[in-house]
PDB file of all heavy atoms in Angstrom:
ATOM      1  N   LEU A   1     -70.137  64.629  48.514  1.00  0.00           N
ATOM      2  CA  LEU A   1     -68.757  65.094  48.498  1.00  0.00           C
ATOM      3  C   LEU A   1     -67.865  63.864  48.639  1.00  0.00           C
ATOM      4  O   LEU A   1     -67.786  63.268  49.717  1.00  0.00           O
ATOM      5  CB  LEU A   1     -68.478  66.085  49.629  1.00  0.00           C
ATOM      6  CG  LEU A   1     -67.082  66.712  49.588  1.00  0.00           C
ATOM      7  CD1 LEU A   1     -66.935  67.627  48.366  1.00  0.00           C
ATOM      8  CD2 LEU A   1     -66.798  67.498  50.870  1.00  0.00           C
ATOM      9  N   GLN A   2     -67.249  63.477  47.537  1.00  0.00           N
ATOM     10  CA  GLN A   2     -66.297  62.368  47.558  1.00  0.00           C
ATOM     11  C   GLN A   2     -64.934  62.914  47.939  1.00  0.00           C
ATOM     12  O   GLN A   2     -64.416  63.802  47.251  1.00  0.00           O
ATOM     13  CB  GLN A   2     -66.233  61.693  46.187  1.00  0.00           C
ATOM     14  CG  GLN A   2     -65.229  60.562  46.096  1.00  0.00           C
ATOM     15  CD  GLN A   2     -65.602  59.374  46.964  1.00  0.00           C
ATOM     16  OE1 GLN A   2     -66.756  58.964  47.001  1.00  0.00           O
ATOM     17  NE2 GLN A   2     -64.617  58.814  47.663  1.00  0.00           N
ATOM     18  N   MET A   3     -64.384  62.379  49.021  1.00  0.00           N
ATOM     19  CA  MET A   3     -63.110  62.884  49.530  1.00  0.00           C
ATOM     20  C   MET A   3     -62.078  61.766  49.470  1.00  0.00           C
ATOM     21  O   MET A   3     -62.240  60.735  50.137  1.00  0.00           O
ATOM     22  CB  MET A   3     -63.285  63.369  50.979  1.00  0.00           C
ATOM     23  CG  MET A   3     -64.381  64.408  51.133  1.00  0.00           C
ATOM     24  SD  MET A   3     -64.467  65.100  52.801  1.00  0.00           S
ATOM     25  CE  MET A   3     -64.950  63.665  53.727  1.00  0.00           C
ATOM     26  N   ASN A   4     -61.064  61.968  48.668  1.00  0.00           N
ATOM     27  CA  ASN A   4     -59.987  60.993  48.516  1.00  0.00           C
ATOM     28  C   ASN A   4     -58.680  61.558  49.059  1.00  0.00           C
ATOM     29  O   ASN A   4     -58.543  62.779  49.239  1.00  0.00           O
ATOM     30  CB  ASN A   4     -59.814  60.614  47.046  1.00  0.00           C
ATOM     31  CG  ASN A   4     -61.045  59.972  46.457  1.00  0.00           C
ATOM     32  OD1 ASN A   4     -61.815  59.306  47.156  1.00  0.00           O
ATOM     33  ND2 ASN A   4     -61.253  60.178  45.169  1.00  0.00           N
ATOM     34  N   SER A   5     -57.742  60.675  49.309  1.00  0.00           N
ATOM     35  CA  SER A   5     -56.414  61.094  49.792  1.00  0.00           C
ATOM     36  C   SER A   5     -56.523  62.062  50.957  1.00  0.00           C
ATOM     37  O   SER A   5     -55.891  63.130  50.968  1.00  0.00           O
ATOM     38  CB  SER A   5     -55.611  61.736  48.645  1.00  0.00           C
ATOM     39  OG  SER A   5     -55.485  60.849  47.560  1.00  0.00           O
ATOM     40  N   LEU A   6     -57.301  61.694  51.935  1.00  0.00           N
ATOM     41  CA  LEU A   6     -57.555  62.587  53.065  1.00  0.00           C
ATOM     42  C   LEU A   6     -56.285  62.855  53.861  1.00  0.00           C
ATOM     43  O   LEU A   6     -55.413  61.978  53.994  1.00  0.00           O
ATOM     44  CB  LEU A   6     -58.641  61.999  53.955  1.00  0.00           C
ATOM     45  CG  LEU A   6     -60.068  62.191  53.419  1.00  0.00           C
ATOM     46  CD1 LEU A   6     -61.032  61.212  54.064  1.00  0.00           C
ATOM     47  CD2 LEU A   6     -60.522  63.620  53.628  1.00  0.00           C
ATOM     48  N   LYS A   7     -56.212  64.069  54.379  1.00  0.00           N
ATOM     49  CA  LYS A   7     -55.065  64.519  55.168  1.00  0.00           C
ATOM     50  C   LYS A   7     -55.546  64.936  56.559  1.00  0.00           C
ATOM     51  O   LYS A   7     -56.717  65.319  56.716  1.00  0.00           O
ATOM     52  CB  LYS A   7     -54.399  65.711  54.487  1.00  0.00           C
ATOM     53  CG  LYS A   7     -53.976  65.474  53.056  1.00  0.00           C
ATOM     54  CD  LYS A   7     -53.439  66.757  52.445  1.00  0.00           C
ATOM     55  CE  LYS A   7     -53.028  66.563  50.995  1.00  0.00           C
ATOM     56  NZ  LYS A   7     -52.513  67.811  50.393  1.00  0.00           N
ATOM     57  N   PRO A   8     -54.664  64.912  57.540  1.00  0.00           N
ATOM     58  CA  PRO A   8     -55.080  65.369  58.883  1.00  0.00           C
ATOM     59  C   PRO A   8     -55.652  66.785  58.873  1.00  0.00           C
ATOM     60  O   PRO A   8     -56.578  67.086  59.644  1.00  0.00           O
ATOM     61  CB  PRO A   8     -53.782  65.288  59.684  1.00  0.00           C
ATOM     62  CG  PRO A   8     -53.007  64.198  59.025  1.00  0.00           C
ATOM     63  CD  PRO A   8     -53.311  64.322  57.562  1.00  0.00           C
ATOM     64  N   GLU A   9     -55.162  67.639  57.992  1.00  0.00           N
ATOM     65  CA  GLU A   9     -55.681  69.010  57.931  1.00  0.00           C
ATOM     66  C   GLU A   9     -57.084  69.101  57.354  1.00  0.00           C
ATOM     67  O   GLU A   9     -57.685  70.179  57.347  1.00  0.00           O
ATOM     68  CB  GLU A   9     -54.733  69.922  57.138  1.00  0.00           C
ATOM     69  CG  GLU A   9     -54.316  69.384  55.791  1.00  0.00           C
ATOM     70  CD  GLU A   9     -52.983  68.672  55.833  1.00  0.00           C
ATOM     71  OE1 GLU A   9     -52.740  67.868  56.783  1.00  0.00           O
ATOM     72  OE2 GLU A   9     -52.166  68.898  54.907  1.00  0.00           O
ATOM     73  N   ASP A  10     -57.621  67.997  56.863  1.00  0.00           N
ATOM     74  CA  ASP A  10     -59.013  67.965  56.416  1.00  0.00           C
ATOM     75  C   ASP A  10     -59.976  67.746  57.587  1.00  0.00           C
ATOM     76  O   ASP A  10     -61.196  67.793  57.398  1.00  0.00           O
ATOM     77  CB  ASP A  10     -59.226  66.850  55.393  1.00  0.00           C
ATOM     78  CG  ASP A  10     -58.473  67.084  54.097  1.00  0.00           C
ATOM     79  OD1 ASP A  10     -58.443  68.234  53.635  1.00  0.00           O
ATOM     80  OD2 ASP A  10     -57.909  66.107  53.556  1.00  0.00           O
ATOM     81  N   THR A  11     -59.445  67.504  58.771  1.00  0.00           N
ATOM     82  CA  THR A  11     -60.282  67.293  59.949  1.00  0.00           C
ATOM     83  C   THR A  11     -61.113  68.534  60.244  1.00  0.00           C
ATOM     84  O   THR A  11     -60.576  69.635  60.367  1.00  0.00           O
ATOM     85  CB  THR A  11     -59.409  66.951  61.167  1.00  0.00           C
ATOM     86  OG1 THR A  11     -58.770  65.698  60.940  1.00  0.00           O
ATOM     87  CG2 THR A  11     -60.251  66.870  62.430  1.00  0.00           C
ATOM     88  N   ALA A  12     -62.426  68.346  60.305  1.00  0.00           N
ATOM     89  CA  ALA A  12     -63.344  69.473  60.516  1.00  0.00           C
ATOM     90  C   ALA A  12     -64.768  68.933  60.591  1.00  0.00           C
ATOM     91  O   ALA A  12     -65.016  67.766  60.286  1.00  0.00           O
ATOM     92  CB  ALA A  12     -63.239  70.481  59.377  1.00  0.00           C
ATOM     93  N   VAL A  13     -65.674  69.820  60.958  1.00  0.00           N
ATOM     94  CA  VAL A  13     -67.094  69.551  60.779  1.00  0.00           C
ATOM     95  C   VAL A  13     -67.462  70.043  59.382  1.00  0.00           C
ATOM     96  O   VAL A  13     -67.160  71.184  59.021  1.00  0.00           O
ATOM     97  CB  VAL A  13     -67.949  70.254  61.837  1.00  0.00           C
ATOM     98  CG1 VAL A  13     -69.430  70.004  61.569  1.00  0.00           C
ATOM     99  CG2 VAL A  13     -67.573  69.777  63.235  1.00  0.00           C
ATOM    100  N   TYR A  14     -68.087  69.169  58.618  1.00  0.00           N
ATOM    101  CA  TYR A  14     -68.450  69.496  57.241  1.00  0.00           C
ATOM    102  C   TYR A  14     -69.949  69.810  57.166  1.00  0.00           C
ATOM    103  O   TYR A  14     -70.771  69.040  57.665  1.00  0.00           O
ATOM    104  CB  TYR A  14     -68.105  68.341  56.316  1.00  0.00           C
ATOM    105  CG  TYR A  14     -66.627  68.281  56.006  1.00  0.00           C
ATOM    106  CD1 TYR A  14     -65.710  67.872  56.969  1.00  0.00           C
ATOM    107  CD2 TYR A  14     -66.143  68.648  54.755  1.00  0.00           C
ATOM    108  CE1 TYR A  14     -64.355  67.840  56.709  1.00  0.00           C
ATOM    109  CE2 TYR A  14     -64.784  68.608  54.476  1.00  0.00           C
ATOM    110  CZ  TYR A  14     -63.900  68.208  55.455  1.00  0.00           C
ATOM    111  OH  TYR A  14     -62.563  68.178  55.186  1.00  0.00           O
ATOM    112  N   TYR A  15     -70.252  70.932  56.528  1.00  0.00           N
ATOM    113  CA  TYR A  15     -71.626  71.402  56.397  1.00  0.00           C
ATOM    114  C   TYR A  15     -72.017  71.491  54.931  1.00  0.00           C
ATOM    115  O   TYR A  15     -71.219  71.946  54.105  1.00  0.00           O
ATOM    116  CB  TYR A  15     -71.783  72.793  56.994  1.00  0.00           C
ATOM    117  CG  TYR A  15     -71.488  72.890  58.469  1.00  0.00           C
ATOM    118  CD1 TYR A  15     -70.199  73.151  58.923  1.00  0.00           C
ATOM    119  CD2 TYR A  15     -72.497  72.736  59.412  1.00  0.00           C
ATOM    120  CE1 TYR A  15     -69.921  73.252  60.270  1.00  0.00           C
ATOM    121  CE2 TYR A  15     -72.225  72.840  60.769  1.00  0.00           C
ATOM    122  CZ  TYR A  15     -70.936  73.093  61.179  1.00  0.00           C
ATOM    123  OH  TYR A  15     -70.658  73.197  62.535  1.00  0.00           O
ATOM    124  N   CYS A  16     -73.233  71.077  54.619  1.00  0.00           N
ATOM    125  CA  CYS A  16     -73.745  71.384  53.288  1.00  0.00           C
ATOM    126  C   CYS A  16     -74.674  72.587  53.399  1.00  0.00           C
ATOM    127  O   CYS A  16     -75.229  72.872  54.472  1.00  0.00           O
ATOM    128  CB  CYS A  16     -74.442  70.194  52.650  1.00  0.00           C
ATOM    129  SG  CYS A  16     -76.039  69.756  53.319  1.00  0.00           S
ATOM    130  N   ALA A  17     -74.815  73.281  52.288  1.00  0.00           N
ATOM    131  CA  ALA A  17     -75.611  74.502  52.254  1.00  0.00           C
ATOM    132  C   ALA A  17     -76.327  74.613  50.919  1.00  0.00           C
ATOM    133  O   ALA A  17     -75.874  74.051  49.919  1.00  0.00           O
ATOM    134  CB  ALA A  17     -74.710  75.714  52.482  1.00  0.00           C
ATOM    135  N   ALA A  18     -77.430  75.363  50.936  1.00  0.00           N
ATOM    136  CA  ALA A  18     -78.251  75.515  49.740  1.00  0.00           C
ATOM    137  C   ALA A  18     -78.629  76.969  49.519  1.00  0.00           C
ATOM    138  O   ALA A  18     -78.846  77.723  50.484  1.00  0.00           O
ATOM    139  CB  ALA A  18     -79.520  74.665  49.859  1.00  0.00           C
ATOM    140  N   VAL A  19     -78.721  77.336  48.251  1.00  0.00           N
ATOM    141  CA  VAL A  19     -79.192  78.669  47.884  1.00  0.00           C
ATOM    142  C   VAL A  19     -80.047  78.531  46.637  1.00  0.00           C
ATOM    143  O   VAL A  19     -79.677  77.843  45.682  1.00  0.00           O
ATOM    144  CB  VAL A  19     -78.012  79.644  47.646  1.00  0.00           C
ATOM    145  CG1 VAL A  19     -77.029  79.119  46.628  1.00  0.00           C
ATOM    146  CG2 VAL A  19     -78.529  81.015  47.242  1.00  0.00           C
ATOM    147  N   GLN A  20     -81.196  79.203  46.650  1.00  0.00           N
ATOM    148  CA  GLN A  20     -82.068  79.156  45.481  1.00  0.00           C
ATOM    149  C   GLN A  20     -81.385  79.877  44.324  1.00  0.00           C
ATOM    150  O   GLN A  20     -80.867  80.987  44.500  1.00  0.00           O
ATOM    151  CB  GLN A  20     -83.414  79.793  45.776  1.00  0.00           C
ATOM    152  CG  GLN A  20     -84.423  79.579  44.656  1.00  0.00           C
ATOM    153  CD  GLN A  20     -85.829  79.966  45.057  1.00  0.00           C
ATOM    154  OE1 GLN A  20     -86.045  80.610  46.092  1.00  0.00           O
ATOM    155  NE2 GLN A  20     -86.800  79.573  44.262  1.00  0.00           N
ATOM    156  N   SER A  21     -81.368  79.235  43.189  1.00  0.00           N
ATOM    157  CA  SER A  21     -80.657  79.801  42.042  1.00  0.00           C
ATOM    158  C   SER A  21     -81.570  79.825  40.829  1.00  0.00           C
ATOM    159  O   SER A  21     -82.174  78.817  40.470  1.00  0.00           O
ATOM    160  CB  SER A  21     -79.420  78.966  41.724  1.00  0.00           C
ATOM    161  OG  SER A  21     -78.753  79.465  40.583  1.00  0.00           O
ATOM    162  N   TYR A  22     -81.652  80.987  40.189  1.00  0.00           N
ATOM    163  CA  TYR A  22     -82.477  81.128  38.991  1.00  0.00           C
ATOM    164  C   TYR A  22     -81.695  80.773  37.729  1.00  0.00           C
ATOM    165  O   TYR A  22     -82.249  80.811  36.629  1.00  0.00           O
ATOM    166  CB  TYR A  22     -83.030  82.539  38.916  1.00  0.00           C
ATOM    167  CG  TYR A  22     -83.933  82.847  40.084  1.00  0.00           C
ATOM    168  CD1 TYR A  22     -83.467  83.563  41.182  1.00  0.00           C
ATOM    169  CD2 TYR A  22     -85.247  82.393  40.118  1.00  0.00           C
ATOM    170  CE1 TYR A  22     -84.281  83.829  42.263  1.00  0.00           C
ATOM    171  CE2 TYR A  22     -86.071  82.654  41.197  1.00  0.00           C
ATOM    172  CZ  TYR A  22     -85.580  83.370  42.267  1.00  0.00           C
ATOM    173  OH  TYR A  22     -86.392  83.624  43.344  1.00  0.00           O
ATOM    174  N   PHE A  23     -80.428  80.455  37.907  1.00  0.00           N
ATOM    175  CA  PHE A  23     -79.582  80.102  36.789  1.00  0.00           C
ATOM    176  C   PHE A  23     -79.035  78.697  37.021  1.00  0.00           C
ATOM    177  O   PHE A  23     -78.408  78.438  38.029  1.00  0.00           O
ATOM    178  CB  PHE A  23     -78.435  81.105  36.657  1.00  0.00           C
ATOM    179  CG  PHE A  23     -78.898  82.519  36.540  1.00  0.00           C
ATOM    180  CD1 PHE A  23     -78.902  83.352  37.652  1.00  0.00           C
ATOM    181  CD2 PHE A  23     -79.359  83.019  35.337  1.00  0.00           C
ATOM    182  CE1 PHE A  23     -79.335  84.647  37.567  1.00  0.00           C
ATOM    183  CE2 PHE A  23     -79.797  84.320  35.234  1.00  0.00           C
ATOM    184  CZ  PHE A  23     -79.790  85.141  36.348  1.00  0.00           C
ATOM    185  N   SER A  24     -79.264  77.823  36.072  1.00  0.00           N
ATOM    186  CA  SER A  24     -78.928  76.412  36.280  1.00  0.00           C
ATOM    187  C   SER A  24     -77.446  76.130  36.242  1.00  0.00           C
ATOM    188  O   SER A  24     -77.009  75.053  36.675  1.00  0.00           O
ATOM    189  CB  SER A  24     -79.633  75.564  35.222  1.00  0.00           C
ATOM    190  OG  SER A  24     -79.169  75.915  33.928  1.00  0.00           O
ATOM    191  N   ASN A  25     -76.646  77.073  35.721  1.00  0.00           N
ATOM    192  CA  ASN A  25     -75.215  76.812  35.561  1.00  0.00           C
ATOM    193  C   ASN A  25     -74.348  77.734  36.414  1.00  0.00           C
ATOM    194  O   ASN A  25     -73.186  77.963  36.096  1.00  0.00           O
ATOM    195  CB  ASN A  25     -74.823  76.947  34.091  1.00  0.00           C
ATOM    196  CG  ASN A  25     -75.079  78.345  33.561  1.00  0.00           C
ATOM    197  OD1 ASN A  25     -75.755  79.133  34.203  1.00  0.00           O
ATOM    198  ND2 ASN A  25     -74.550  78.649  32.407  1.00  0.00           N
ATOM    199  N   VAL A  26     -74.893  78.256  37.472  1.00  0.00           N
ATOM    200  CA  VAL A  26     -74.155  79.149  38.364  1.00  0.00           C
ATOM    201  C   VAL A  26     -73.897  78.464  39.693  1.00  0.00           C
ATOM    202  O   VAL A  26     -74.793  77.841  40.264  1.00  0.00           O
ATOM    203  CB  VAL A  26     -74.937  80.455  38.586  1.00  0.00           C
ATOM    204  CG1 VAL A  26     -74.245  81.315  39.642  1.00  0.00           C
ATOM    205  CG2 VAL A  26     -75.069  81.216  37.278  1.00  0.00           C
ATOM    206  N   TYR A  27     -72.667  78.564  40.192  1.00  0.00           N
ATOM    207  CA  TYR A  27     -72.351  78.068  41.523  1.00  0.00           C
ATOM    208  C   TYR A  27     -71.986  79.253  42.421  1.00  0.00           C
ATOM    209  O   TYR A  27     -71.715  80.355  41.933  1.00  0.00           O
ATOM    210  CB  TYR A  27     -71.205  77.048  41.488  1.00  0.00           C
ATOM    211  CG  TYR A  27     -69.950  77.531  40.820  1.00  0.00           C
ATOM    212  CD1 TYR A  27     -69.095  78.443  41.436  1.00  0.00           C
ATOM    213  CD2 TYR A  27     -69.608  77.068  39.550  1.00  0.00           C
ATOM    214  CE1 TYR A  27     -67.945  78.888  40.818  1.00  0.00           C
ATOM    215  CE2 TYR A  27     -68.458  77.514  38.923  1.00  0.00           C
ATOM    216  CZ  TYR A  27     -67.630  78.422  39.559  1.00  0.00           C
ATOM    217  OH  TYR A  27     -66.498  78.860  38.941  1.00  0.00           O
ATOM    218  N   TYR A  28     -71.991  79.005  43.706  1.00  0.00           N
ATOM    219  CA  TYR A  28     -71.732  80.054  44.691  1.00  0.00           C
ATOM    220  C   TYR A  28     -70.667  79.558  45.665  1.00  0.00           C
ATOM    221  O   TYR A  28     -70.725  78.413  46.121  1.00  0.00           O
ATOM    222  CB  TYR A  28     -73.015  80.399  45.444  1.00  0.00           C
ATOM    223  CG  TYR A  28     -74.129  80.833  44.527  1.00  0.00           C
ATOM    224  CD1 TYR A  28     -74.958  79.889  43.919  1.00  0.00           C
ATOM    225  CD2 TYR A  28     -74.341  82.178  44.259  1.00  0.00           C
ATOM    226  CE1 TYR A  28     -75.972  80.278  43.060  1.00  0.00           C
ATOM    227  CE2 TYR A  28     -75.355  82.573  43.407  1.00  0.00           C
ATOM    228  CZ  TYR A  28     -76.168  81.622  42.803  1.00  0.00           C
ATOM    229  OH  TYR A  28     -77.158  82.013  41.959  1.00  0.00           O
ATOM    230  N   TYR A  29     -69.707  80.413  45.989  1.00  0.00           N
ATOM    231  CA  TYR A  29     -68.645  79.984  46.895  1.00  0.00           C
ATOM    232  C   TYR A  29     -68.506  80.861  48.133  1.00  0.00           C
ATOM    233  O   TYR A  29     -67.669  80.587  48.993  1.00  0.00           O
ATOM    234  CB  TYR A  29     -67.310  79.897  46.155  1.00  0.00           C
ATOM    235  CG  TYR A  29     -66.882  81.172  45.493  1.00  0.00           C
ATOM    236  CD1 TYR A  29     -66.154  82.130  46.194  1.00  0.00           C
ATOM    237  CD2 TYR A  29     -67.201  81.424  44.162  1.00  0.00           C
ATOM    238  CE1 TYR A  29     -65.759  83.299  45.593  1.00  0.00           C
ATOM    239  CE2 TYR A  29     -66.806  82.593  43.552  1.00  0.00           C
ATOM    240  CZ  TYR A  29     -66.079  83.536  44.261  1.00  0.00           C
ATOM    241  OH  TYR A  29     -65.686  84.688  43.649  1.00  0.00           O
ATOM    242  N   ARG A  30     -69.308  81.882  48.236  1.00  0.00           N
ATOM    243  CA  ARG A  30     -69.258  82.738  49.435  1.00  0.00           C
ATOM    244  C   ARG A  30     -70.261  82.231  50.466  1.00  0.00           C
ATOM    245  O   ARG A  30     -71.423  81.977  50.150  1.00  0.00           O
ATOM    246  CB  ARG A  30     -69.566  84.181  49.060  1.00  0.00           C
ATOM    247  CG  ARG A  30     -68.554  84.813  48.133  1.00  0.00           C
ATOM    248  CD  ARG A  30     -68.892  86.269  47.884  1.00  0.00           C
ATOM    249  NE  ARG A  30     -67.949  86.911  46.990  1.00  0.00           N
ATOM    250  CZ  ARG A  30     -68.068  86.928  45.669  1.00  0.00           C
ATOM    251  NH1 ARG A  30     -69.102  86.331  45.107  1.00  0.00           N
ATOM    252  NH2 ARG A  30     -67.165  87.515  44.936  1.00  0.00           N
ATOM    253  N   ARG A  31     -69.812  82.110  51.677  1.00  0.00           N
ATOM    254  CA  ARG A  31     -70.680  81.625  52.741  1.00  0.00           C
ATOM    255  C   ARG A  31     -71.937  82.473  52.873  1.00  0.00           C
ATOM    256  O   ARG A  31     -73.026  81.953  53.109  1.00  0.00           O
ATOM    257  CB  ARG A  31     -69.890  81.626  54.059  1.00  0.00           C
ATOM    258  CG  ARG A  31     -70.575  80.966  55.226  1.00  0.00           C
ATOM    259  CD  ARG A  31     -69.643  80.971  56.425  1.00  0.00           C
ATOM    260  NE  ARG A  31     -69.280  82.301  56.843  1.00  0.00           N
ATOM    261  CZ  ARG A  31     -68.366  82.571  57.764  1.00  0.00           C
ATOM    262  NH1 ARG A  31     -67.728  81.588  58.367  1.00  0.00           N
ATOM    263  NH2 ARG A  31     -68.081  83.806  58.092  1.00  0.00           N
ATOM    264  N   SER A  32     -71.801  83.787  52.714  1.00  0.00           N
ATOM    265  CA  SER A  32     -72.928  84.699  52.891  1.00  0.00           C
ATOM    266  C   SER A  32     -74.018  84.511  51.843  1.00  0.00           C
ATOM    267  O   SER A  32     -75.141  84.987  52.026  1.00  0.00           O
ATOM    268  CB  SER A  32     -72.438  86.142  52.857  1.00  0.00           C
ATOM    269  OG  SER A  32     -71.820  86.419  51.608  1.00  0.00           O
ATOM    270  N   GLU A  33     -73.717  83.850  50.758  1.00  0.00           N
ATOM    271  CA  GLU A  33     -74.704  83.660  49.690  1.00  0.00           C
ATOM    272  C   GLU A  33     -75.675  82.523  49.986  1.00  0.00           C
ATOM    273  O   GLU A  33     -76.716  82.425  49.337  1.00  0.00           O
ATOM    274  CB  GLU A  33     -73.990  83.402  48.365  1.00  0.00           C
ATOM    275  CG  GLU A  33     -73.201  84.599  47.862  1.00  0.00           C
ATOM    276  CD  GLU A  33     -72.389  84.291  46.628  1.00  0.00           C
ATOM    277  OE1 GLU A  33     -71.645  83.293  46.633  1.00  0.00           O
ATOM    278  OE2 GLU A  33     -72.499  85.053  45.643  1.00  0.00           O
ATOM    279  N   TYR A  34     -75.333  81.683  50.936  1.00  0.00           N
ATOM    280  CA  TYR A  34     -76.157  80.513  51.218  1.00  0.00           C
ATOM    281  C   TYR A  34     -77.191  80.795  52.292  1.00  0.00           C
ATOM    282  O   TYR A  34     -76.884  81.382  53.329  1.00  0.00           O
ATOM    283  CB  TYR A  34     -75.272  79.333  51.627  1.00  0.00           C
ATOM    284  CG  TYR A  34     -74.565  78.728  50.443  1.00  0.00           C
ATOM    285  CD1 TYR A  34     -73.335  79.218  50.015  1.00  0.00           C
ATOM    286  CD2 TYR A  34     -75.141  77.682  49.738  1.00  0.00           C
ATOM    287  CE1 TYR A  34     -72.694  78.680  48.915  1.00  0.00           C
ATOM    288  CE2 TYR A  34     -74.510  77.131  48.634  1.00  0.00           C
ATOM    289  CZ  TYR A  34     -73.283  77.639  48.229  1.00  0.00           C
ATOM    290  OH  TYR A  34     -72.663  77.093  47.134  1.00  0.00           O
ATOM    291  N   ALA A  35     -78.416  80.344  52.036  1.00  0.00           N
ATOM    292  CA  ALA A  35     -79.522  80.639  52.945  1.00  0.00           C
ATOM    293  C   ALA A  35     -79.831  79.500  53.906  1.00  0.00           C
ATOM    294  O   ALA A  35     -80.385  79.741  54.986  1.00  0.00           O
ATOM    295  CB  ALA A  35     -80.771  80.970  52.136  1.00  0.00           C
ATOM    296  N   TYR A  36     -79.505  78.284  53.495  1.00  0.00           N
ATOM    297  CA  TYR A  36     -79.886  77.120  54.304  1.00  0.00           C
ATOM    298  C   TYR A  36     -78.653  76.275  54.590  1.00  0.00           C
ATOM    299  O   TYR A  36     -77.809  76.085  53.710  1.00  0.00           O
ATOM    300  CB  TYR A  36     -80.937  76.280  53.561  1.00  0.00           C
ATOM    301  CG  TYR A  36     -82.157  77.064  53.195  1.00  0.00           C
ATOM    302  CD1 TYR A  36     -82.329  77.572  51.911  1.00  0.00           C
ATOM    303  CD2 TYR A  36     -83.147  77.334  54.146  1.00  0.00           C
ATOM    304  CE1 TYR A  36     -83.446  78.301  51.572  1.00  0.00           C
ATOM    305  CE2 TYR A  36     -84.264  78.075  53.820  1.00  0.00           C
ATOM    306  CZ  TYR A  36     -84.403  78.558  52.525  1.00  0.00           C
ATOM    307  OH  TYR A  36     -85.514  79.295  52.207  1.00  0.00           O
ATOM    308  N   TRP A  37     -78.613  75.736  55.817  1.00  0.00           N
ATOM    309  CA  TRP A  37     -77.457  74.982  56.276  1.00  0.00           C
ATOM    310  C   TRP A  37     -77.907  73.715  56.984  1.00  0.00           C
ATOM    311  O   TRP A  37     -78.935  73.689  57.671  1.00  0.00           O
ATOM    312  CB  TRP A  37     -76.617  75.821  57.233  1.00  0.00           C
ATOM    313  CG  TRP A  37     -75.980  76.992  56.572  1.00  0.00           C
ATOM    314  CD1 TRP A  37     -76.544  78.215  56.338  1.00  0.00           C
ATOM    315  CD2 TRP A  37     -74.664  77.057  56.049  1.00  0.00           C
ATOM    316  NE1 TRP A  37     -75.651  79.027  55.691  1.00  0.00           N
ATOM    317  CE2 TRP A  37     -74.482  78.342  55.505  1.00  0.00           C
ATOM    318  CE3 TRP A  37     -73.599  76.150  55.978  1.00  0.00           C
ATOM    319  CZ2 TRP A  37     -73.297  78.746  54.897  1.00  0.00           C
ATOM    320  CZ3 TRP A  37     -72.425  76.543  55.381  1.00  0.00           C
ATOM    321  CH2 TRP A  37     -72.275  77.832  54.852  1.00  0.00           C
ATOM    322  N   GLY A  38     -77.098  72.662  56.845  1.00  0.00           N
ATOM    323  CA  GLY A  38     -77.312  71.466  57.631  1.00  0.00           C
ATOM    324  C   GLY A  38     -76.653  71.591  58.991  1.00  0.00           C
ATOM    325  O   GLY A  38     -76.038  72.616  59.316  1.00  0.00           O
ATOM    326  N   GLN A  39     -76.759  70.520  59.769  1.00  0.00           N
ATOM    327  CA  GLN A  39     -76.233  70.545  61.129  1.00  0.00           C
ATOM    328  C   GLN A  39     -74.763  70.134  61.198  1.00  0.00           C
ATOM    329  O   GLN A  39     -74.122  70.313  62.239  1.00  0.00           O
ATOM    330  CB  GLN A  39     -77.059  69.612  62.027  1.00  0.00           C
ATOM    331  CG  GLN A  39     -76.679  68.139  61.974  1.00  0.00           C
ATOM    332  CD  GLN A  39     -77.026  67.452  60.667  1.00  0.00           C
ATOM    333  OE1 GLN A  39     -77.778  67.999  59.844  1.00  0.00           O
ATOM    334  NE2 GLN A  39     -76.496  66.260  60.459  1.00  0.00           N
ATOM    335  N   GLY A  40     -74.248  69.592  60.118  1.00  0.00           N
ATOM    336  CA  GLY A  40     -72.842  69.237  60.045  1.00  0.00           C
ATOM    337  C   GLY A  40     -72.568  67.783  60.373  1.00  0.00           C
ATOM    338  O   GLY A  40     -73.338  67.134  61.092  1.00  0.00           O
ATOM    339  N   THR A  41     -71.463  67.280  59.844  1.00  0.00           N
ATOM    340  CA  THR A  41     -71.004  65.929  60.147  1.00  0.00           C
ATOM    341  C   THR A  41     -69.492  65.973  60.362  1.00  0.00           C
ATOM    342  O   THR A  41     -68.766  66.636  59.613  1.00  0.00           O
ATOM    343  CB  THR A  41     -71.378  64.936  59.028  1.00  0.00           C
ATOM    344  OG1 THR A  41     -71.016  63.610  59.412  1.00  0.00           O
ATOM    345  CG2 THR A  41     -70.709  65.280  57.702  1.00  0.00           C
TER     346      THR A  41
END
């Protein structure tokens, strides 16, 4: 995640997440769709 022009409102813990996908060109934006999560940074 390349983050440019950062603002104070971007302050947060950032998490990456993964979901198994049978379609190579589909993305997911709902939190509930993701099965795996990192610990955050």
